[in-house]
C-alpha atoms as a PDB file:
ATOM      1  CA  MET A   1     -11.182  -2.277  12.682  1.00  0.00           C
ATOM      2  CA  SER A   2     -12.545  -3.573   9.391  1.00  0.00           C
ATOM      3  CA  VAL A   3     -10.785  -3.771   6.034  1.00  0.00           C
ATOM      4  CA  SER A   4     -12.449  -4.641   2.732  1.00  0.00           C
ATOM      5  CA  VAL A   5     -10.572  -5.722  -0.399  1.00  0.00           C
ATOM      6  CA  CYS A   6     -11.560  -7.567  -3.551  1.00  0.00           C
ATOM      7  CA  PRO A   7      -8.662  -8.944  -5.610  1.00  0.00           C
ATOM      8  CA  ILE A   8      -9.693  -9.888  -9.142  1.00  0.00           C
ATOM      9  CA  ALA A   9      -7.762 -12.050 -11.602  1.00  0.00           C
ATOM     10  CA  THR A  10      -8.391 -12.959 -15.223  1.00  0.00           C
ATOM     11  CA  ILE A  11      -7.514 -16.613 -15.743  1.00  0.00           C
ATOM     12  CA  GLN A  12      -6.761 -18.281 -19.056  1.00  0.00           C
ATOM     13  CA  ALA A  13      -8.905 -21.337 -18.356  1.00  0.00           C
ATOM     14  CA  PRO A  14     -12.600 -22.136 -18.785  1.00  0.00           C
ATOM     15  CA  ALA A  15     -14.830 -21.111 -15.871  1.00  0.00           C
ATOM     16  CA  SER A  16     -16.012 -24.723 -15.480  1.00  0.00           C
ATOM     17  CA  GLN A  17     -12.441 -25.899 -14.902  1.00  0.00           C
ATOM     18  CA  VAL A  18     -11.607 -23.124 -12.431  1.00  0.00           C
ATOM     19  CA  TRP A  19     -14.900 -23.648 -10.584  1.00  0.00           C
ATOM     20  CA  GLY A  20     -13.959 -27.336 -10.268  1.00  0.00           C
ATOM     21  CA  PHE A  21     -10.923 -26.304  -8.195  1.00  0.00           C
ATOM     22  CA  LEU A  22     -12.876 -23.781  -6.125  1.00  0.00           C
ATOM     23  CA  ALA A  23     -15.787 -26.108  -5.379  1.00  0.00           C
ATOM     24  CA  GLU A  24     -13.654 -29.056  -4.238  1.00  0.00           C
ATOM     25  CA  PRO A  25     -11.865 -28.449  -0.916  1.00  0.00           C
ATOM     26  CA  GLY A  26      -9.649 -31.471  -1.580  1.00  0.00           C
ATOM     27  CA  TYR A  27      -7.836 -29.320  -4.185  1.00  0.00           C
ATOM     28  CA  TYR A  28      -7.268 -26.313  -1.909  1.00  0.00           C
ATOM     29  CA  GLY A  29      -3.776 -27.470  -0.959  1.00  0.00           C
ATOM     30  CA  GLN A  30      -2.759 -26.925  -4.610  1.00  0.00           C
ATOM     31  CA  TRP A  31      -3.543 -23.208  -4.610  1.00  0.00           C
ATOM     32  CA  TRP A  32      -3.375 -21.900  -1.049  1.00  0.00           C
ATOM     33  CA  ASP A  33      -0.400 -21.523   1.255  1.00  0.00           C
ATOM     34  CA  ALA A  34      -1.526 -24.160   3.734  1.00  0.00           C
ATOM     35  CA  GLN A  35      -1.668 -27.904   4.195  1.00  0.00           C
ATOM     36  CA  THR A  36      -5.220 -29.203   4.406  1.00  0.00           C
ATOM     37  CA  LEU A  37      -5.591 -31.433   7.470  1.00  0.00           C
ATOM     38  CA  SER A  38      -9.279 -32.380   7.368  1.00  0.00           C
ATOM     39  CA  ILE A  39     -12.530 -31.743   5.524  1.00  0.00           C
ATOM     40  CA  GLU A  40     -15.764 -32.604   7.359  1.00  0.00           C
ATOM     41  CA  PRO A  41     -17.907 -33.842   5.779  1.00  0.00           C
ATOM     42  CA  PRO A  42     -15.673 -34.875   2.881  1.00  0.00           C
ATOM     43  CA  GLY A  43     -16.613 -34.126  -0.709  1.00  0.00           C
ATOM     44  CA  PRO A  44     -17.503 -31.052  -2.730  1.00  0.00           C
ATOM     45  CA  ALA A  45     -17.947 -27.716  -0.960  1.00  0.00           C
ATOM     46  CA  GLN A  46     -21.278 -27.543   0.868  1.00  0.00           C
ATOM     47  CA  ALA A  47     -22.808 -25.262   3.454  1.00  0.00           C
ATOM     48  CA  GLY A  48     -21.770 -26.317   6.952  1.00  0.00           C
ATOM     49  CA  GLN A  49     -18.560 -27.996   5.847  1.00  0.00           C
ATOM     50  CA  LEU A  50     -15.502 -27.415   8.069  1.00  0.00           C
ATOM     51  CA  ILE A  51     -11.948 -27.373   6.752  1.00  0.00           C
ATOM     52  CA  GLN A  52      -8.914 -27.534   9.040  1.00  0.00           C
ATOM     53  CA  ALA A  53      -5.501 -26.499   7.713  1.00  0.00           C
ATOM     54  CA  ARG A  54      -2.000 -25.631   8.863  1.00  0.00           C
ATOM     55  CA  SER A  55       0.202 -22.881   7.491  1.00  0.00           C
ATOM     56  CA  ARG A  56       3.828 -22.210   8.305  1.00  0.00           C
ATOM     57  CA  ALA A  57       5.245 -18.723   8.904  1.00  0.00           C
ATOM     58  CA  PHE A  58       7.744 -17.068  11.218  1.00  0.00           C
ATOM     59  CA  GLY A  59       9.271 -20.438  12.056  1.00  0.00           C
ATOM     60  CA  ARG A  60       6.127 -22.002  13.440  1.00  0.00           C
ATOM     61  CA  ASP A  61       2.920 -23.763  12.430  1.00  0.00           C
ATOM     62  CA  TRP A  62      -0.392 -21.882  12.529  1.00  0.00           C
ATOM     63  CA  ARG A  63      -3.811 -23.555  12.606  1.00  0.00           C
ATOM     64  CA  VAL A  64      -6.422 -22.186  10.226  1.00  0.00           C
ATOM     65  CA  HIS A  65     -10.125 -23.099  10.271  1.00  0.00           C
ATOM     66  CA  PHE A  66     -12.575 -22.508   7.412  1.00  0.00           C
ATOM     67  CA  ALA A  67     -16.338 -22.855   7.378  1.00  0.00           C
ATOM     68  CA  VAL A  68     -18.213 -23.102   4.092  1.00  0.00           C
ATOM     69  CA  GLU A  69     -21.171 -20.770   4.555  1.00  0.00           C
ATOM     70  CA  ARG A  70     -22.847 -20.936   1.134  1.00  0.00           C
ATOM     71  CA  VAL A  71     -22.330 -22.513  -2.274  1.00  0.00           C
ATOM     72  CA  GLU A  72     -24.243 -21.453  -5.377  1.00  0.00           C
ATOM     73  CA  ALA A  73     -22.889 -23.767  -8.049  1.00  0.00           C
ATOM     74  CA  GLY A  74     -25.160 -22.359 -10.774  1.00  0.00           C
ATOM     75  CA  LYS A  75     -23.690 -18.893 -10.212  1.00  0.00           C
ATOM     76  CA  ARG A  76     -20.207 -20.250  -9.407  1.00  0.00           C
ATOM     77  CA  GLN A  77     -20.185 -18.477  -6.031  1.00  0.00           C
ATOM     78  CA  LEU A  78     -18.711 -19.646  -2.751  1.00  0.00           C
ATOM     79  CA  ASP A  79     -18.756 -18.013   0.696  1.00  0.00           C
ATOM     80  CA  LEU A  80     -16.167 -19.059   3.282  1.00  0.00           C
ATOM     81  CA  THR A  81     -15.389 -17.778   6.753  1.00  0.00           C
ATOM     82  CA  ALA A  82     -11.738 -18.149   7.700  1.00  0.00           C
ATOM     83  CA  HIS A  83     -10.626 -18.142  11.337  1.00  0.00           C
ATOM     84  CA  LEU A  84      -6.932 -17.274  11.431  1.00  0.00           C
ATOM     85  CA  PRO A  85      -4.440 -16.967  14.289  1.00  0.00           C
ATOM     86  CA  LEU A  86      -4.450 -13.890  16.521  1.00  0.00           C
ATOM     87  CA  GLY A  87      -8.249 -13.651  16.413  1.00  0.00           C
ATOM     88  CA  ILE A  88      -8.474 -12.657  12.745  1.00  0.00           C
ATOM     89  CA  THR A  89     -11.689 -13.619  10.947  1.00  0.00           C
ATOM     90  CA  ILE A  90     -12.112 -13.200   7.192  1.00  0.00           C
ATOM     91  CA  HIS A  91     -15.383 -13.463   5.286  1.00  0.00           C
ATOM     92  CA  ASN A  92     -14.600 -14.536   1.715  1.00  0.00           C
ATOM     93  CA  HIS A  93     -17.030 -14.230  -1.183  1.00  0.00           C
ATOM     94  CA  ILE A  94     -15.499 -15.944  -4.223  1.00  0.00           C
ATOM     95  CA  THR A  95     -17.016 -15.702  -7.692  1.00  0.00           C
ATOM     96  CA  CYS A  96     -15.942 -17.251 -10.979  1.00  0.00           C
ATOM     97  CA  THR A  97     -17.397 -15.508 -14.042  1.00  0.00           C
ATOM     98  CA  PRO A  98     -16.860 -16.765 -17.599  1.00  0.00           C
ATOM     99  CA  LEU A  99     -15.586 -14.117 -20.034  1.00  0.00           C
ATOM    100  CA  ASP A 100     -15.561 -16.480 -23.024  1.00  0.00           C
ATOM    101  CA  ASP A 101     -15.077 -20.223 -23.620  1.00  0.00           C
ATOM    102  CA  LYS A 102     -11.410 -20.146 -22.575  1.00  0.00           C
ATOM    103  CA  THR A 103     -11.172 -17.307 -20.042  1.00  0.00           C
ATOM    104  CA  CYS A 104     -12.799 -16.401 -16.727  1.00  0.00           C
ATOM    105  CA  ARG A 105     -12.545 -13.815 -14.001  1.00  0.00           C
ATOM    106  CA  VAL A 106     -12.209 -14.803 -10.342  1.00  0.00           C
ATOM    107  CA  ALA A 107     -13.020 -12.259  -7.652  1.00  0.00           C
ATOM    108  CA  PHE A 108     -12.039 -12.877  -4.056  1.00  0.00           C
ATOM    109  CA  GLY A 109     -13.384 -10.448  -1.532  1.00  0.00           C
END
């Protein structure tokens, strides 16, 4: 079974600032519901990078693995593949589009 969704949010911050959080896996622990355990290789998001994390739900810890598939900094686009418990795989295409100097739109789908 396949499900496709694309949440979109308008954020009251410049696109360059929001992209800074999206393009740096070291910041992911500030905005996702998981504790980042490792980033290999370290540094800004880059194709081939692997991110290991742990989330807690239902009274237990769950391992989560992410692979950075593609980064297009000029377009502020990031593709991640998430491998979740129970065999769930999610392909994420994240975009950050400026609306004006102080506002941007982030799409996650």
